[in-house]
Amino acid sequence: MDLSLHVLVDPFALSEESLRSGVQAIALGGATVVQMRSKDRSTRELIDGGRMLKALCQKYGLAFIVNDRVDVALALGADGVHVGQDDMPVSMVRTLASQLTVGLSVSSLQEVLAAEASPPDYFGMGPVFATASKSDAGPAVGTSKLREWTRVAQAMAPVVAIGGISLENAGAVWQCGVNGIAVISAVWQAADKQEACRRLREH
């Protein structure tokens, strides 16, 4: 899986037309992964909303990952699932769904090292900078820690940086040696989503 540019999407926050045009634009701009992240929705809602998003990802050649919910990822035939520290352990995800690419959120060196016994397919590391897109995000780790932890983590799995990444600071994040970046507002709040993705990938 090409981890270069993850764009997180809440399909319930967009109209059907905005979702269709948006996914097309980010694919043309060089996005490689779409992660469906929608909090406080029922299982049925996530499956219904995810069907269209998955179909769009297939149409435009994007990998499709579901945040948190292994059951929803399996039901939708997703390419992967991204879990946090309080979600299902990576080892258990592998037992239940060996075909899924598994991402794991980490926000400290201790969490990176704790994953050694059962490493994910990639780490989601951050928040690099302060972010308003995730209410329970911890304090920003900054680029110096990101660089240090990335070197340690990459002995186990690739690293995707997340949290407050924008067109202005993406270059500094890439300089930390990460394998990819993940964004929300940097793309969805951009007037030209295709161009925003293209610029985010420049490094």
N, C-alpha and C. Protein backbone atom coordinates (compact mmCIF):
# COMPACT_ATOMS: atom_id res chain seq x y z
N MET A 1 0.84 -1.20 0.00
CA MET A 1 0.00 0.00 0.00
C MET A 1 0.88 1.25 0.00
N ASP A 2 0.59 2.17 -0.88
CA ASP A 2 1.30 3.45 -0.93
C ASP A 2 0.77 4.34 0.19
N LEU A 3 1.61 4.65 1.16
CA LEU A 3 1.19 5.39 2.35
C LEU A 3 1.43 6.89 2.25
N SER A 4 1.83 7.38 1.09
CA SER A 4 2.32 8.76 0.96
C SER A 4 1.38 9.83 1.48
N LEU A 5 0.12 9.78 1.07
CA LEU A 5 -0.81 10.85 1.46
C LEU A 5 -2.17 10.27 1.83
N HIS A 6 -2.44 10.26 3.13
CA HIS A 6 -3.74 9.83 3.67
C HIS A 6 -4.63 11.06 3.81
N VAL A 7 -5.84 10.97 3.32
CA VAL A 7 -6.83 12.02 3.55
C VAL A 7 -7.97 11.41 4.36
N LEU A 8 -8.18 11.94 5.56
CA LEU A 8 -9.25 11.44 6.41
C LEU A 8 -10.57 12.08 6.00
N VAL A 9 -11.62 11.27 5.99
CA VAL A 9 -12.91 11.73 5.49
C VAL A 9 -14.02 11.30 6.45
N ASP A 10 -14.89 12.24 6.78
CA ASP A 10 -16.15 11.91 7.45
C ASP A 10 -17.25 12.05 6.40
N PRO A 11 -17.76 10.93 5.87
CA PRO A 11 -18.73 11.02 4.77
C PRO A 11 -20.03 11.69 5.17
N PHE A 12 -20.27 11.77 6.47
CA PHE A 12 -21.52 12.38 6.94
C PHE A 12 -21.41 13.90 7.05
N ALA A 13 -20.20 14.41 6.92
CA ALA A 13 -19.99 15.86 7.01
C ALA A 13 -20.08 16.53 5.64
N LEU A 14 -20.26 15.72 4.59
CA LEU A 14 -20.28 16.24 3.23
C LEU A 14 -21.55 15.81 2.51
N SER A 15 -21.99 16.63 1.58
CA SER A 15 -23.09 16.21 0.72
C SER A 15 -22.58 15.13 -0.22
N GLU A 16 -23.50 14.39 -0.81
CA GLU A 16 -23.10 13.33 -1.74
C GLU A 16 -22.28 13.89 -2.89
N GLU A 17 -22.68 15.02 -3.42
CA GLU A 17 -21.95 15.63 -4.54
C GLU A 17 -20.56 16.10 -4.10
N SER A 18 -20.48 16.70 -2.90
CA SER A 18 -19.18 17.16 -2.40
C SER A 18 -18.25 15.98 -2.16
N LEU A 19 -18.81 14.87 -1.70
CA LEU A 19 -18.00 13.68 -1.47
C LEU A 19 -17.47 13.13 -2.80
N ARG A 20 -18.33 13.05 -3.79
CA ARG A 20 -17.92 12.54 -5.10
C ARG A 20 -16.85 13.42 -5.73
N SER A 21 -17.10 14.71 -5.77
CA SER A 21 -16.14 15.61 -6.41
C SER A 21 -14.86 15.71 -5.60
N GLY A 22 -14.99 15.63 -4.28
CA GLY A 22 -13.82 15.74 -3.42
C GLY A 22 -12.89 14.55 -3.56
N VAL A 23 -13.44 13.35 -3.58
CA VAL A 23 -12.61 12.16 -3.71
C VAL A 23 -11.93 12.14 -5.08
N GLN A 24 -12.64 12.56 -6.10
CA GLN A 24 -12.03 12.64 -7.43
C GLN A 24 -10.86 13.62 -7.42
N ALA A 25 -11.07 14.78 -6.79
CA ALA A 25 -10.03 15.82 -6.76
C ALA A 25 -8.79 15.35 -6.01
N ILE A 26 -8.99 14.70 -4.86
CA ILE A 26 -7.81 14.30 -4.09
C ILE A 26 -7.05 13.18 -4.80
N ALA A 27 -7.78 12.31 -5.51
CA ALA A 27 -7.10 11.26 -6.28
C ALA A 27 -6.25 11.88 -7.38
N LEU A 28 -6.80 12.86 -8.07
CA LEU A 28 -6.05 13.52 -9.15
C LEU A 28 -4.85 14.28 -8.60
N GLY A 29 -4.97 14.74 -7.35
CA GLY A 29 -3.87 15.49 -6.73
C GLY A 29 -2.77 14.63 -6.15
N GLY A 30 -3.00 13.32 -6.10
CA GLY A 30 -1.94 12.44 -5.62
C GLY A 30 -2.18 11.80 -4.27
N ALA A 31 -3.39 11.93 -3.71
CA ALA A 31 -3.70 11.20 -2.49
C ALA A 31 -3.61 9.70 -2.79
N THR A 32 -3.25 8.92 -1.79
CA THR A 32 -3.10 7.48 -2.00
C THR A 32 -4.03 6.65 -1.12
N VAL A 33 -4.43 7.22 0.01
CA VAL A 33 -5.27 6.50 0.98
C VAL A 33 -6.39 7.40 1.45
N VAL A 34 -7.59 6.86 1.54
CA VAL A 34 -8.71 7.53 2.20
C VAL A 34 -9.03 6.76 3.47
N GLN A 35 -9.06 7.46 4.57
CA GLN A 35 -9.47 6.83 5.83
C GLN A 35 -10.81 7.40 6.26
N MET A 36 -11.79 6.53 6.43
CA MET A 36 -13.10 6.96 6.91
C MET A 36 -13.06 7.07 8.43
N ARG A 37 -13.23 8.29 8.92
CA ARG A 37 -13.26 8.51 10.36
C ARG A 37 -14.50 9.30 10.71
N SER A 38 -15.41 8.65 11.40
CA SER A 38 -16.66 9.30 11.77
C SER A 38 -17.06 8.81 13.16
N LYS A 39 -17.04 9.71 14.11
CA LYS A 39 -17.34 9.35 15.49
C LYS A 39 -18.86 9.42 15.74
N ASP A 40 -19.29 8.64 16.70
CA ASP A 40 -20.67 8.70 17.20
C ASP A 40 -21.72 8.37 16.14
N ARG A 41 -21.38 7.47 15.24
CA ARG A 41 -22.36 6.97 14.27
C ARG A 41 -22.62 5.50 14.53
N SER A 42 -23.84 5.06 14.26
CA SER A 42 -24.18 3.66 14.48
C SER A 42 -23.46 2.78 13.47
N THR A 43 -23.41 1.49 13.78
CA THR A 43 -22.78 0.55 12.86
C THR A 43 -23.46 0.59 11.51
N ARG A 44 -24.78 0.62 11.49
CA ARG A 44 -25.51 0.66 10.21
C ARG A 44 -25.18 1.92 9.42
N GLU A 45 -25.12 3.05 10.11
CA GLU A 45 -24.78 4.31 9.43
C GLU A 45 -23.39 4.25 8.82
N LEU A 46 -22.44 3.71 9.58
CA LEU A 46 -21.07 3.61 9.08
C LEU A 46 -20.99 2.71 7.85
N ILE A 47 -21.73 1.63 7.86
CA ILE A 47 -21.72 0.72 6.71
C ILE A 47 -22.37 1.39 5.51
N ASP A 48 -23.52 2.04 5.74
CA ASP A 48 -24.19 2.70 4.62
C ASP A 48 -23.35 3.83 4.05
N GLY A 49 -22.77 4.66 4.94
CA GLY A 49 -21.94 5.77 4.48
C GLY A 49 -20.64 5.29 3.86
N GLY A 50 -20.14 4.17 4.38
CA GLY A 50 -18.88 3.65 3.88
C GLY A 50 -18.97 3.00 2.52
N ARG A 51 -20.16 2.51 2.16
CA ARG A 51 -20.32 1.84 0.86
C ARG A 51 -19.98 2.79 -0.28
N MET A 52 -20.54 3.99 -0.22
CA MET A 52 -20.28 4.95 -1.29
C MET A 52 -18.82 5.37 -1.30
N LEU A 53 -18.26 5.59 -0.11
CA LEU A 53 -16.87 6.02 -0.04
C LEU A 53 -15.95 4.94 -0.59
N LYS A 54 -16.22 3.70 -0.24
CA LYS A 54 -15.40 2.61 -0.77
C LYS A 54 -15.51 2.53 -2.29
N ALA A 55 -16.73 2.67 -2.80
CA ALA A 55 -16.92 2.61 -4.26
C ALA A 55 -16.14 3.72 -4.96
N LEU A 56 -16.13 4.91 -4.36
CA LEU A 56 -15.38 6.02 -4.94
C LEU A 56 -13.88 5.73 -4.90
N CYS A 57 -13.42 5.15 -3.81
CA CYS A 57 -12.00 4.80 -3.70
C CYS A 57 -11.61 3.78 -4.77
N GLN A 58 -12.46 2.81 -4.99
CA GLN A 58 -12.19 1.81 -6.03
C GLN A 58 -12.16 2.46 -7.41
N LYS A 59 -13.09 3.38 -7.62
CA LYS A 59 -13.17 4.04 -8.92
C LYS A 59 -11.90 4.82 -9.23
N TYR A 60 -11.34 5.46 -8.22
CA TYR A 60 -10.20 6.35 -8.44
C TYR A 60 -8.86 5.76 -7.98
N GLY A 61 -8.85 4.48 -7.63
CA GLY A 61 -7.60 3.81 -7.30
C GLY A 61 -6.98 4.19 -5.96
N LEU A 62 -7.83 4.51 -4.99
CA LEU A 62 -7.36 4.87 -3.66
C LEU A 62 -7.55 3.70 -2.69
N ALA A 63 -6.60 3.48 -1.79
CA ALA A 63 -6.80 2.50 -0.74
C ALA A 63 -7.84 3.03 0.24
N PHE A 64 -8.65 2.13 0.80
CA PHE A 64 -9.75 2.52 1.68
C PHE A 64 -9.54 1.89 3.06
N ILE A 65 -9.39 2.75 4.08
CA ILE A 65 -9.16 2.31 5.45
C ILE A 65 -10.27 2.85 6.34
N VAL A 66 -10.70 2.02 7.29
CA VAL A 66 -11.72 2.41 8.25
C VAL A 66 -11.07 2.68 9.60
N ASN A 67 -11.43 3.77 10.23
CA ASN A 67 -10.88 4.13 11.53
C ASN A 67 -11.61 3.38 12.65
N ASP A 68 -10.87 2.80 13.55
CA ASP A 68 -11.37 2.17 14.79
C ASP A 68 -12.10 0.84 14.61
N ARG A 69 -13.01 0.77 13.67
CA ARG A 69 -14.00 -0.30 13.65
C ARG A 69 -13.60 -1.46 12.74
N VAL A 70 -13.08 -2.52 13.36
CA VAL A 70 -12.68 -3.70 12.61
C VAL A 70 -13.89 -4.36 11.96
N ASP A 71 -15.02 -4.38 12.68
CA ASP A 71 -16.22 -5.03 12.14
C ASP A 71 -16.73 -4.31 10.89
N VAL A 72 -16.69 -2.99 10.92
CA VAL A 72 -17.14 -2.21 9.76
C VAL A 72 -16.18 -2.40 8.59
N ALA A 73 -14.88 -2.42 8.89
CA ALA A 73 -13.88 -2.64 7.84
C ALA A 73 -14.11 -3.99 7.15
N LEU A 74 -14.39 -5.01 7.94
CA LEU A 74 -14.66 -6.34 7.37
C LEU A 74 -15.95 -6.35 6.56
N ALA A 75 -16.98 -5.72 7.10
CA ALA A 75 -18.28 -5.69 6.42
C ALA A 75 -18.20 -4.99 5.08
N LEU A 76 -17.36 -3.97 5.00
CA LEU A 76 -17.24 -3.19 3.77
C LEU A 76 -16.19 -3.75 2.81
N GLY A 77 -15.44 -4.73 3.25
CA GLY A 77 -14.35 -5.24 2.41
C GLY A 77 -13.27 -4.19 2.22
N ALA A 78 -12.96 -3.46 3.30
CA ALA A 78 -11.96 -2.40 3.24
C ALA A 78 -10.56 -2.98 3.04
N ASP A 79 -9.65 -2.11 2.65
CA ASP A 79 -8.25 -2.53 2.51
C ASP A 79 -7.55 -2.59 3.85
N GLY A 80 -8.05 -1.81 4.81
CA GLY A 80 -7.37 -1.79 6.10
C GLY A 80 -8.21 -1.17 7.19
N VAL A 81 -7.64 -1.18 8.41
CA VAL A 81 -8.29 -0.58 9.57
C VAL A 81 -7.21 0.13 10.37
N HIS A 82 -7.57 1.27 10.94
CA HIS A 82 -6.63 2.03 11.76
C HIS A 82 -7.15 2.05 13.19
N VAL A 83 -6.33 1.56 14.13
CA VAL A 83 -6.77 1.47 15.51
C VAL A 83 -5.92 2.37 16.41
N GLY A 84 -6.53 2.76 17.52
CA GLY A 84 -5.85 3.58 18.51
C GLY A 84 -5.41 2.76 19.70
N GLN A 85 -4.84 3.42 20.67
CA GLN A 85 -4.33 2.73 21.85
C GLN A 85 -5.44 2.11 22.69
N ASP A 86 -6.65 2.62 22.60
CA ASP A 86 -7.77 2.08 23.38
C ASP A 86 -8.69 1.19 22.55
N ASP A 87 -8.31 0.92 21.31
CA ASP A 87 -9.12 0.07 20.44
C ASP A 87 -8.61 -1.37 20.50
N MET A 88 -9.12 -2.21 19.63
CA MET A 88 -8.71 -3.61 19.59
C MET A 88 -7.20 -3.71 19.34
N PRO A 89 -6.48 -4.53 20.12
CA PRO A 89 -5.03 -4.67 19.92
C PRO A 89 -4.71 -5.20 18.52
N VAL A 90 -3.56 -4.79 18.02
CA VAL A 90 -3.13 -5.20 16.69
C VAL A 90 -3.10 -6.72 16.56
N SER A 91 -2.61 -7.42 17.58
CA SER A 91 -2.52 -8.88 17.52
C SER A 91 -3.90 -9.50 17.33
N MET A 92 -4.91 -8.92 17.98
CA MET A 92 -6.27 -9.46 17.86
C MET A 92 -6.87 -9.13 16.50
N VAL A 93 -6.56 -7.94 15.98
CA VAL A 93 -7.04 -7.59 14.63
C VAL A 93 -6.48 -8.61 13.64
N ARG A 94 -5.22 -8.95 13.78
CA ARG A 94 -4.60 -9.90 12.85
C ARG A 94 -5.27 -11.27 12.93
N THR A 95 -5.68 -11.67 14.14
CA THR A 95 -6.36 -12.95 14.31
C THR A 95 -7.73 -12.94 13.62
N LEU A 96 -8.44 -11.84 13.78
CA LEU A 96 -9.80 -11.73 13.24
C LEU A 96 -9.81 -11.39 11.75
N ALA A 97 -8.83 -10.63 11.30
CA ALA A 97 -8.88 -10.09 9.94
C ALA A 97 -7.47 -10.01 9.36
N SER A 98 -6.91 -11.15 9.08
CA SER A 98 -5.51 -11.20 8.64
C SER A 98 -5.29 -10.50 7.30
N GLN A 99 -6.37 -10.31 6.54
CA GLN A 99 -6.23 -9.69 5.21
C GLN A 99 -6.14 -8.17 5.28
N LEU A 100 -6.45 -7.57 6.42
CA LEU A 100 -6.47 -6.12 6.53
C LEU A 100 -5.09 -5.54 6.82
N THR A 101 -4.76 -4.45 6.16
CA THR A 101 -3.62 -3.64 6.56
C THR A 101 -4.00 -2.96 7.87
N VAL A 102 -3.10 -2.99 8.85
CA VAL A 102 -3.44 -2.46 10.18
C VAL A 102 -2.53 -1.29 10.53
N GLY A 103 -3.14 -0.15 10.78
CA GLY A 103 -2.42 1.02 11.26
C GLY A 103 -2.64 1.20 12.75
N LEU A 104 -1.65 1.73 13.45
CA LEU A 104 -1.75 1.95 14.89
C LEU A 104 -1.32 3.36 15.24
N SER A 105 -2.16 4.07 16.00
CA SER A 105 -1.82 5.42 16.46
C SER A 105 -0.85 5.34 17.63
N VAL A 106 0.19 6.15 17.57
CA VAL A 106 1.14 6.27 18.67
C VAL A 106 1.44 7.74 18.92
N SER A 107 1.60 8.09 20.19
CA SER A 107 1.88 9.48 20.52
C SER A 107 2.99 9.61 21.55
N SER A 108 3.76 8.54 21.72
CA SER A 108 4.92 8.58 22.61
C SER A 108 5.90 7.49 22.20
N LEU A 109 7.13 7.64 22.63
CA LEU A 109 8.14 6.62 22.34
C LEU A 109 7.77 5.31 23.04
N GLN A 110 7.17 5.42 24.23
CA GLN A 110 6.76 4.22 24.96
C GLN A 110 5.74 3.41 24.16
N GLU A 111 4.80 4.10 23.52
CA GLU A 111 3.80 3.40 22.72
C GLU A 111 4.42 2.75 21.49
N VAL A 112 5.42 3.39 20.91
CA VAL A 112 6.14 2.79 19.79
C VAL A 112 6.82 1.50 20.23
N LEU A 113 7.56 1.57 21.32
CA LEU A 113 8.30 0.41 21.80
C LEU A 113 7.37 -0.72 22.24
N ALA A 114 6.22 -0.37 22.78
CA ALA A 114 5.26 -1.39 23.23
C ALA A 114 4.69 -2.19 22.07
N ALA A 115 4.79 -1.65 20.87
CA ALA A 115 4.24 -2.33 19.69
C ALA A 115 5.18 -3.39 19.12
N GLU A 116 6.37 -3.50 19.68
CA GLU A 116 7.38 -4.38 19.10
C GLU A 116 6.93 -5.84 19.08
N ALA A 117 6.18 -6.27 20.09
CA ALA A 117 5.74 -7.67 20.15
C ALA A 117 4.76 -8.01 19.03
N SER A 118 3.97 -7.02 18.63
CA SER A 118 3.01 -7.24 17.54
C SER A 118 2.89 -5.95 16.74
N PRO A 119 3.88 -5.67 15.90
CA PRO A 119 3.90 -4.39 15.19
C PRO A 119 2.79 -4.27 14.16
N PRO A 120 2.31 -3.05 13.91
CA PRO A 120 1.30 -2.82 12.88
C PRO A 120 1.96 -2.81 11.50
N ASP A 121 1.15 -2.62 10.48
CA ASP A 121 1.69 -2.46 9.12
C ASP A 121 2.21 -1.05 8.90
N TYR A 122 1.68 -0.09 9.68
CA TYR A 122 2.23 1.27 9.69
C TYR A 122 1.82 1.93 10.99
N PHE A 123 2.61 2.90 11.42
CA PHE A 123 2.28 3.72 12.59
C PHE A 123 1.67 5.04 12.12
N GLY A 124 0.63 5.49 12.82
CA GLY A 124 0.13 6.84 12.67
C GLY A 124 0.67 7.65 13.84
N MET A 125 1.62 8.53 13.61
CA MET A 125 2.36 9.18 14.69
C MET A 125 2.00 10.65 14.81
N GLY A 126 1.64 11.04 16.04
CA GLY A 126 1.30 12.43 16.25
C GLY A 126 0.46 12.62 17.51
N PRO A 127 -0.18 13.77 17.68
CA PRO A 127 -0.22 14.86 16.72
C PRO A 127 1.11 15.62 16.63
N VAL A 128 1.55 15.86 15.40
CA VAL A 128 2.80 16.58 15.21
C VAL A 128 2.65 18.02 15.68
N PHE A 129 1.55 18.65 15.28
CA PHE A 129 1.23 20.02 15.67
C PHE A 129 -0.15 20.03 16.33
N ALA A 130 -0.48 21.12 16.98
CA ALA A 130 -1.80 21.24 17.59
C ALA A 130 -2.87 21.11 16.52
N THR A 131 -3.97 20.42 16.86
CA THR A 131 -5.03 20.19 15.89
C THR A 131 -6.39 20.35 16.55
N ALA A 132 -7.32 20.89 15.78
CA ALA A 132 -8.69 21.01 16.27
C ALA A 132 -9.58 19.93 15.66
N SER A 133 -9.00 19.06 14.83
CA SER A 133 -9.80 18.06 14.12
C SER A 133 -10.09 16.82 14.95
N LYS A 134 -9.40 16.66 16.08
CA LYS A 134 -9.60 15.49 16.93
C LYS A 134 -9.67 15.96 18.37
N SER A 135 -10.85 15.85 18.97
CA SER A 135 -11.08 16.43 20.30
C SER A 135 -10.23 15.80 21.38
N ASP A 136 -9.85 14.51 21.22
CA ASP A 136 -9.08 13.84 22.26
C ASP A 136 -7.61 13.70 21.91
N ALA A 137 -7.16 14.49 20.94
CA ALA A 137 -5.74 14.44 20.57
C ALA A 137 -4.90 14.95 21.74
N GLY A 138 -3.75 14.32 21.94
CA GLY A 138 -2.87 14.73 23.01
C GLY A 138 -2.07 15.96 22.63
N PRO A 139 -1.10 16.34 23.47
CA PRO A 139 -0.28 17.51 23.15
C PRO A 139 0.59 17.26 21.92
N ALA A 140 0.88 18.33 21.21
CA ALA A 140 1.70 18.22 20.00
C ALA A 140 3.09 17.70 20.35
N VAL A 141 3.61 16.79 19.52
CA VAL A 141 4.92 16.20 19.80
C VAL A 141 6.05 17.00 19.17
N GLY A 142 5.75 17.75 18.11
CA GLY A 142 6.77 18.54 17.45
C GLY A 142 7.64 17.72 16.52
N THR A 143 8.43 18.42 15.72
CA THR A 143 9.21 17.72 14.69
C THR A 143 10.45 17.02 15.23
N SER A 144 11.05 17.52 16.31
CA SER A 144 12.25 16.86 16.82
C SER A 144 11.93 15.48 17.37
N LYS A 145 10.85 15.37 18.14
CA LYS A 145 10.44 14.06 18.64
C LYS A 145 9.95 13.18 17.50
N LEU A 146 9.25 13.77 16.55
CA LEU A 146 8.79 13.00 15.39
C LEU A 146 9.97 12.36 14.68
N ARG A 147 11.02 13.12 14.48
CA ARG A 147 12.21 12.60 13.81
C ARG A 147 12.84 11.45 14.61
N GLU A 148 12.95 11.64 15.91
CA GLU A 148 13.57 10.64 16.79
C GLU A 148 12.73 9.36 16.82
N TRP A 149 11.43 9.51 17.03
CA TRP A 149 10.57 8.33 17.15
C TRP A 149 10.42 7.61 15.82
N THR A 150 10.46 8.37 14.75
CA THR A 150 10.34 7.75 13.43
C THR A 150 11.49 6.79 13.17
N ARG A 151 12.70 7.19 13.56
CA ARG A 151 13.86 6.31 13.37
C ARG A 151 13.68 4.99 14.13
N VAL A 152 13.14 5.07 15.33
CA VAL A 152 12.91 3.87 16.14
C VAL A 152 11.79 3.02 15.53
N ALA A 153 10.69 3.68 15.18
CA ALA A 153 9.52 2.97 14.67
C ALA A 153 9.79 2.28 13.35
N GLN A 154 10.59 2.89 12.49
CA GLN A 154 10.81 2.34 11.16
C GLN A 154 11.58 1.02 11.16
N ALA A 155 12.14 0.66 12.31
CA ALA A 155 12.73 -0.68 12.42
C ALA A 155 11.63 -1.74 12.44
N MET A 156 10.39 -1.29 12.72
CA MET A 156 9.24 -2.21 12.77
C MET A 156 8.28 -2.01 11.61
N ALA A 157 7.98 -0.76 11.29
CA ALA A 157 6.96 -0.46 10.27
C ALA A 157 7.10 0.98 9.79
N PRO A 158 6.56 1.30 8.61
CA PRO A 158 6.59 2.68 8.13
C PRO A 158 5.82 3.62 9.05
N VAL A 159 6.09 4.91 8.91
CA VAL A 159 5.48 5.93 9.76
C VAL A 159 4.71 6.94 8.92
N VAL A 160 3.48 7.19 9.33
CA VAL A 160 2.64 8.23 8.73
C VAL A 160 2.40 9.29 9.80
N ALA A 161 2.82 10.51 9.55
CA ALA A 161 2.65 11.60 10.50
C ALA A 161 1.26 12.20 10.37
N ILE A 162 0.69 12.60 11.51
CA ILE A 162 -0.65 13.18 11.50
C ILE A 162 -0.75 14.25 12.58
N GLY A 163 -1.66 15.19 12.37
CA GLY A 163 -1.96 16.18 13.39
C GLY A 163 -1.49 17.58 13.04
N GLY A 164 -2.42 18.42 12.60
CA GLY A 164 -2.10 19.81 12.35
C GLY A 164 -1.20 20.06 11.15
N ILE A 165 -1.08 19.07 10.25
CA ILE A 165 -0.20 19.24 9.10
C ILE A 165 -0.89 20.09 8.04
N SER A 166 -0.18 21.10 7.56
CA SER A 166 -0.76 22.07 6.62
C SER A 166 0.18 22.25 5.43
N LEU A 167 -0.26 23.04 4.47
CA LEU A 167 0.59 23.35 3.33
C LEU A 167 1.86 24.06 3.78
N GLU A 168 1.76 24.82 4.86
CA GLU A 168 2.90 25.61 5.33
C GLU A 168 3.95 24.77 6.06
N ASN A 169 3.52 23.72 6.77
CA ASN A 169 4.48 22.98 7.58
C ASN A 169 4.76 21.56 7.08
N ALA A 170 4.12 21.15 5.99
CA ALA A 170 4.30 19.78 5.50
C ALA A 170 5.76 19.48 5.15
N GLY A 171 6.46 20.47 4.59
CA GLY A 171 7.85 20.27 4.22
C GLY A 171 8.71 19.89 5.42
N ALA A 172 8.48 20.54 6.56
CA ALA A 172 9.23 20.24 7.79
C ALA A 172 8.93 18.83 8.28
N VAL A 173 7.70 18.38 8.06
CA VAL A 173 7.32 17.02 8.47
C VAL A 173 8.02 15.99 7.60
N TRP A 174 8.02 16.21 6.29
CA TRP A 174 8.71 15.28 5.39
C TRP A 174 10.20 15.19 5.73
N GLN A 175 10.78 16.28 6.17
CA GLN A 175 12.20 16.30 6.51
C GLN A 175 12.53 15.42 7.71
N CYS A 176 11.50 14.98 8.44
CA CYS A 176 11.72 14.09 9.59
C CYS A 176 11.89 12.64 9.16
N GLY A 177 11.77 12.39 7.86
CA GLY A 177 12.00 11.04 7.35
C GLY A 177 10.80 10.13 7.37
N VAL A 178 9.60 10.70 7.53
CA VAL A 178 8.39 9.87 7.57
C VAL A 178 8.09 9.28 6.19
N ASN A 179 7.28 8.23 6.19
CA ASN A 179 6.90 7.57 4.94
C ASN A 179 5.64 8.16 4.33
N GLY A 180 4.89 8.89 5.13
CA GLY A 180 3.66 9.49 4.63
C GLY A 180 3.13 10.52 5.60
N ILE A 181 2.13 11.28 5.16
CA ILE A 181 1.45 12.23 6.03
C ILE A 181 -0.05 12.03 5.90
N ALA A 182 -0.78 12.39 6.95
CA ALA A 182 -2.24 12.28 6.96
C ALA A 182 -2.83 13.63 7.32
N VAL A 183 -3.87 14.02 6.60
CA VAL A 183 -4.45 15.35 6.78
C VAL A 183 -5.97 15.30 6.74
N ILE A 184 -6.55 16.36 7.27
CA ILE A 184 -8.01 16.55 7.15
C ILE A 184 -8.27 17.95 6.59
N SER A 185 -8.15 18.95 7.47
CA SER A 185 -8.53 20.31 7.08
C SER A 185 -7.65 20.88 5.98
N ALA A 186 -6.38 20.46 5.91
CA ALA A 186 -5.49 20.98 4.87
C ALA A 186 -6.02 20.71 3.48
N VAL A 187 -6.83 19.67 3.35
CA VAL A 187 -7.44 19.34 2.06
C VAL A 187 -8.89 19.78 2.00
N TRP A 188 -9.68 19.40 3.00
CA TRP A 188 -11.13 19.63 2.90
C TRP A 188 -11.51 21.10 3.03
N GLN A 189 -10.63 21.91 3.62
CA GLN A 189 -10.91 23.35 3.70
C GLN A 189 -10.25 24.13 2.57
N ALA A 190 -9.56 23.42 1.69
CA ALA A 190 -8.90 24.09 0.57
C ALA A 190 -9.87 24.35 -0.57
N ALA A 191 -9.74 25.49 -1.19
CA ALA A 191 -10.60 25.80 -2.33
C ALA A 191 -10.31 24.87 -3.50
N ASP A 192 -9.05 24.53 -3.69
CA ASP A 192 -8.63 23.63 -4.75
C ASP A 192 -8.01 22.39 -4.10
N LYS A 193 -8.81 21.36 -3.92
CA LYS A 193 -8.36 20.16 -3.20
C LYS A 193 -7.30 19.39 -3.98
N GLN A 194 -7.40 19.38 -5.28
CA GLN A 194 -6.40 18.70 -6.10
C GLN A 194 -5.03 19.37 -5.93
N GLU A 195 -5.00 20.68 -6.01
CA GLU A 195 -3.75 21.41 -5.85
C GLU A 195 -3.20 21.27 -4.43
N ALA A 196 -4.09 21.26 -3.44
CA ALA A 196 -3.65 21.09 -2.05
C ALA A 196 -2.93 19.76 -1.88
N CYS A 197 -3.48 18.69 -2.44
CA CYS A 197 -2.84 17.38 -2.34
C CYS A 197 -1.49 17.38 -3.06
N ARG A 198 -1.47 18.00 -4.22
CA ARG A 198 -0.21 18.05 -4.98
C ARG A 198 0.87 18.75 -4.17
N ARG A 199 0.53 19.86 -3.54
CA ARG A 199 1.51 20.62 -2.77
C ARG A 199 1.92 19.89 -1.49
N LEU A 200 1.00 19.17 -0.88
CA LEU A 200 1.32 18.42 0.34
C LEU A 200 2.34 17.32 0.07
N ARG A 201 2.34 16.81 -1.14
CA ARG A 201 3.25 15.72 -1.48
C ARG A 201 4.63 16.21 -1.89
N GLU A 202 4.80 17.51 -2.10
CA GLU A 202 6.09 18.06 -2.51
C GLU A 202 7.07 18.02 -1.34
N HIS A 203 8.21 17.41 -1.56
CA HIS A 203 9.24 17.37 -0.53
C HIS A 203 10.57 16.93 -1.13
